[in-house]
Amino acid sequence: MIDINRRKHTMEVDNPAEMLRNAEGTFEVTSPFGHVFHVTCRPGTRMSVSEISEPKRVQAPDGMIWRIRKLAVAAA
């Protein structure tokens, strides 16, 4: 399942690894339990994943929906 919220520029997916496999860029990925990850993707290489926050106190998720938001890259 993929649902794109155009105002927030986020996607809601069941499996973020599958969605980001061939992506390029830097993303903020939020788990159903509130963990937030910084993910850098480059085609043909492995993803670089860093946890940037502890989970927030959340109720049991209504499903296993992950949120992916592409981060803007500063121009060089």
N, C-alpha and C. Protein backbone atom coordinates (compact mmCIF):
# COMPACT_ATOMS: atom_id res chain seq x y z
N MET A 1 0.84 -1.18 0.00
CA MET A 1 0.00 0.00 0.00
C MET A 1 0.88 1.24 0.00
N ILE A 2 0.59 2.17 -0.85
CA ILE A 2 1.31 3.44 -0.91
C ILE A 2 0.27 4.55 -0.91
N ASP A 3 0.42 5.48 0.01
CA ASP A 3 -0.49 6.62 0.08
C ASP A 3 0.37 7.86 0.20
N ILE A 4 0.25 8.79 -0.74
CA ILE A 4 1.08 9.99 -0.73
C ILE A 4 0.24 11.17 -0.26
N ASN A 5 0.73 11.83 0.79
CA ASN A 5 0.10 13.05 1.28
C ASN A 5 0.88 14.20 0.66
N ARG A 6 0.34 14.82 -0.36
CA ARG A 6 1.06 15.82 -1.13
C ARG A 6 1.38 17.08 -0.32
N ARG A 7 0.52 17.47 0.62
CA ARG A 7 0.81 18.67 1.41
C ARG A 7 2.01 18.47 2.32
N LYS A 8 2.13 17.31 2.90
CA LYS A 8 3.25 17.05 3.81
C LYS A 8 4.40 16.35 3.10
N HIS A 9 4.22 16.00 1.84
CA HIS A 9 5.24 15.30 1.05
C HIS A 9 5.68 14.02 1.74
N THR A 10 4.72 13.27 2.24
CA THR A 10 5.01 12.00 2.89
C THR A 10 4.32 10.87 2.15
N MET A 11 4.86 9.67 2.34
CA MET A 11 4.24 8.46 1.81
C MET A 11 3.97 7.56 3.00
N GLU A 12 2.88 6.85 2.95
CA GLU A 12 2.58 5.85 3.95
C GLU A 12 2.66 4.50 3.26
N VAL A 13 3.51 3.62 3.81
CA VAL A 13 3.78 2.34 3.17
C VAL A 13 3.78 1.22 4.21
N ASP A 14 3.64 0.00 3.71
CA ASP A 14 3.71 -1.18 4.58
C ASP A 14 5.16 -1.61 4.80
N ASN A 15 6.02 -1.38 3.81
CA ASN A 15 7.40 -1.86 3.88
C ASN A 15 8.34 -0.78 3.33
N PRO A 16 9.00 -0.02 4.20
CA PRO A 16 9.85 1.07 3.71
C PRO A 16 11.07 0.58 2.94
N ALA A 17 11.61 -0.57 3.29
CA ALA A 17 12.79 -1.07 2.59
C ALA A 17 12.47 -1.33 1.13
N GLU A 18 11.31 -1.88 0.87
CA GLU A 18 10.89 -2.16 -0.51
C GLU A 18 10.71 -0.84 -1.28
N MET A 19 10.15 0.15 -0.63
CA MET A 19 9.89 1.44 -1.28
C MET A 19 11.18 2.19 -1.58
N LEU A 20 12.16 2.09 -0.69
CA LEU A 20 13.40 2.86 -0.83
C LEU A 20 14.52 2.11 -1.54
N ARG A 21 14.28 0.87 -1.94
CA ARG A 21 15.33 0.03 -2.52
C ARG A 21 16.07 0.71 -3.67
N ASN A 22 15.38 1.33 -4.60
CA ASN A 22 16.02 1.97 -5.75
C ASN A 22 15.91 3.49 -5.70
N ALA A 23 15.63 4.02 -4.52
CA ALA A 23 15.47 5.47 -4.36
C ALA A 23 16.83 6.15 -4.28
N GLU A 24 16.82 7.46 -4.47
CA GLU A 24 18.02 8.25 -4.30
C GLU A 24 17.66 9.47 -3.48
N GLY A 25 18.44 9.75 -2.45
CA GLY A 25 18.19 10.92 -1.62
C GLY A 25 18.25 10.60 -0.15
N THR A 26 17.80 11.58 0.65
CA THR A 26 17.79 11.45 2.10
C THR A 26 16.34 11.51 2.57
N PHE A 27 15.98 10.60 3.47
CA PHE A 27 14.61 10.45 3.89
C PHE A 27 14.52 10.38 5.41
N GLU A 28 13.38 10.82 5.93
CA GLU A 28 13.05 10.62 7.34
C GLU A 28 11.96 9.55 7.35
N VAL A 29 12.22 8.46 8.06
CA VAL A 29 11.31 7.33 8.09
C VAL A 29 10.83 7.13 9.52
N THR A 30 9.50 7.11 9.71
CA THR A 30 8.92 6.94 11.04
C THR A 30 8.21 5.60 11.11
N SER A 31 8.57 4.81 12.13
CA SER A 31 7.97 3.49 12.30
C SER A 31 6.57 3.61 12.89
N PRO A 32 5.79 2.54 12.83
CA PRO A 32 4.46 2.56 13.44
C PRO A 32 4.50 2.80 14.94
N PHE A 33 5.65 2.57 15.57
CA PHE A 33 5.78 2.72 17.02
C PHE A 33 6.45 4.02 17.42
N GLY A 34 6.76 4.89 16.46
CA GLY A 34 7.28 6.20 16.77
C GLY A 34 8.78 6.38 16.64
N HIS A 35 9.55 5.33 16.32
CA HIS A 35 10.98 5.50 16.06
C HIS A 35 11.15 6.35 14.80
N VAL A 36 12.12 7.25 14.80
CA VAL A 36 12.39 8.06 13.61
C VAL A 36 13.80 7.74 13.15
N PHE A 37 13.95 7.45 11.86
CA PHE A 37 15.22 7.08 11.26
C PHE A 37 15.60 8.06 10.17
N HIS A 38 16.88 8.30 10.01
CA HIS A 38 17.43 9.11 8.91
C HIS A 38 18.02 8.09 7.94
N VAL A 39 17.52 8.06 6.72
CA VAL A 39 17.94 7.05 5.73
C VAL A 39 18.49 7.76 4.50
N THR A 40 19.71 7.39 4.11
CA THR A 40 20.33 7.91 2.90
C THR A 40 20.41 6.79 1.89
N CYS A 41 19.89 7.03 0.69
CA CYS A 41 19.85 6.01 -0.36
C CYS A 41 20.61 6.48 -1.59
N ARG A 42 21.36 5.55 -2.15
CA ARG A 42 22.02 5.78 -3.44
C ARG A 42 21.83 4.50 -4.25
N PRO A 43 21.37 4.63 -5.50
CA PRO A 43 21.17 3.43 -6.32
C PRO A 43 22.46 2.62 -6.43
N GLY A 44 22.33 1.31 -6.33
CA GLY A 44 23.48 0.43 -6.48
C GLY A 44 24.30 0.24 -5.23
N THR A 45 23.95 0.90 -4.12
CA THR A 45 24.67 0.74 -2.87
C THR A 45 23.67 0.44 -1.76
N ARG A 46 24.20 0.15 -0.59
CA ARG A 46 23.33 -0.11 0.55
C ARG A 46 22.79 1.19 1.12
N MET A 47 21.68 1.09 1.83
CA MET A 47 21.12 2.24 2.51
C MET A 47 21.92 2.51 3.78
N SER A 48 22.06 3.78 4.11
CA SER A 48 22.66 4.18 5.38
C SER A 48 21.51 4.58 6.29
N VAL A 49 21.39 3.89 7.44
CA VAL A 49 20.26 4.12 8.35
C VAL A 49 20.78 4.49 9.73
N SER A 50 20.27 5.60 10.27
CA SER A 50 20.61 6.03 11.62
C SER A 50 19.33 6.35 12.37
N GLU A 51 19.22 5.87 13.61
CA GLU A 51 18.06 6.21 14.42
C GLU A 51 18.28 7.60 15.00
N ILE A 52 17.29 8.50 14.82
CA ILE A 52 17.47 9.86 15.30
C ILE A 52 16.55 10.21 16.47
N SER A 53 15.64 9.32 16.84
CA SER A 53 14.83 9.59 18.02
C SER A 53 14.32 8.29 18.62
N GLU A 54 14.12 8.34 19.91
CA GLU A 54 13.51 7.23 20.62
C GLU A 54 12.01 7.22 20.30
N PRO A 55 11.37 6.09 20.48
CA PRO A 55 9.94 6.06 20.19
C PRO A 55 9.18 6.97 21.15
N LYS A 56 8.14 7.58 20.62
CA LYS A 56 7.25 8.38 21.45
C LYS A 56 6.23 7.45 22.07
N ARG A 57 5.58 7.91 23.07
CA ARG A 57 4.52 7.10 23.66
C ARG A 57 3.34 7.10 22.70
N VAL A 58 3.12 5.99 22.09
CA VAL A 58 2.02 5.88 21.13
C VAL A 58 1.13 4.70 21.51
N GLN A 59 -0.11 4.80 21.13
CA GLN A 59 -1.01 3.67 21.32
C GLN A 59 -0.65 2.61 20.31
N ALA A 60 -1.18 1.43 20.51
CA ALA A 60 -0.93 0.36 19.55
C ALA A 60 -1.35 0.83 18.17
N PRO A 61 -0.48 0.64 17.16
CA PRO A 61 -0.81 1.12 15.82
C PRO A 61 -2.01 0.40 15.24
N ASP A 62 -2.73 1.13 14.37
CA ASP A 62 -3.89 0.56 13.69
C ASP A 62 -3.47 -0.38 12.57
N GLY A 63 -2.24 -0.44 12.28
CA GLY A 63 -1.67 -1.29 11.24
C GLY A 63 -0.18 -1.04 11.27
N MET A 64 0.52 -1.67 10.43
CA MET A 64 1.96 -1.51 10.40
C MET A 64 2.33 -0.50 9.31
N ILE A 65 1.84 0.71 9.44
CA ILE A 65 2.08 1.74 8.44
C ILE A 65 3.31 2.56 8.83
N TRP A 66 4.25 2.66 7.91
CA TRP A 66 5.45 3.47 8.06
C TRP A 66 5.26 4.76 7.27
N ARG A 67 5.84 5.85 7.74
CA ARG A 67 5.77 7.12 7.02
C ARG A 67 7.15 7.50 6.51
N ILE A 68 7.22 7.87 5.24
CA ILE A 68 8.49 8.26 4.62
C ILE A 68 8.34 9.68 4.11
N ARG A 69 9.30 10.52 4.48
CA ARG A 69 9.31 11.92 4.01
C ARG A 69 10.67 12.21 3.43
N LYS A 70 10.71 12.65 2.18
CA LYS A 70 11.97 12.99 1.54
C LYS A 70 12.42 14.35 2.06
N LEU A 71 13.69 14.44 2.47
CA LEU A 71 14.24 15.67 2.99
C LEU A 71 14.86 16.47 1.87
N ALA A 72 14.72 17.77 1.95
CA ALA A 72 15.33 18.65 0.95
C ALA A 72 16.84 18.62 1.09
N VAL A 73 17.53 18.71 -0.02
CA VAL A 73 18.98 18.71 -0.01
C VAL A 73 19.44 20.13 -0.33
N ALA A 74 20.36 20.65 0.48
CA ALA A 74 20.88 21.99 0.26
C ALA A 74 21.70 22.02 -1.03
N ALA A 75 21.53 23.07 -1.82
CA ALA A 75 22.27 23.21 -3.06
C ALA A 75 23.73 23.53 -2.74
N ALA A 76 24.62 22.94 -3.51
CA ALA A 76 26.06 23.16 -3.27
C ALA A 76 26.57 24.36 -4.01
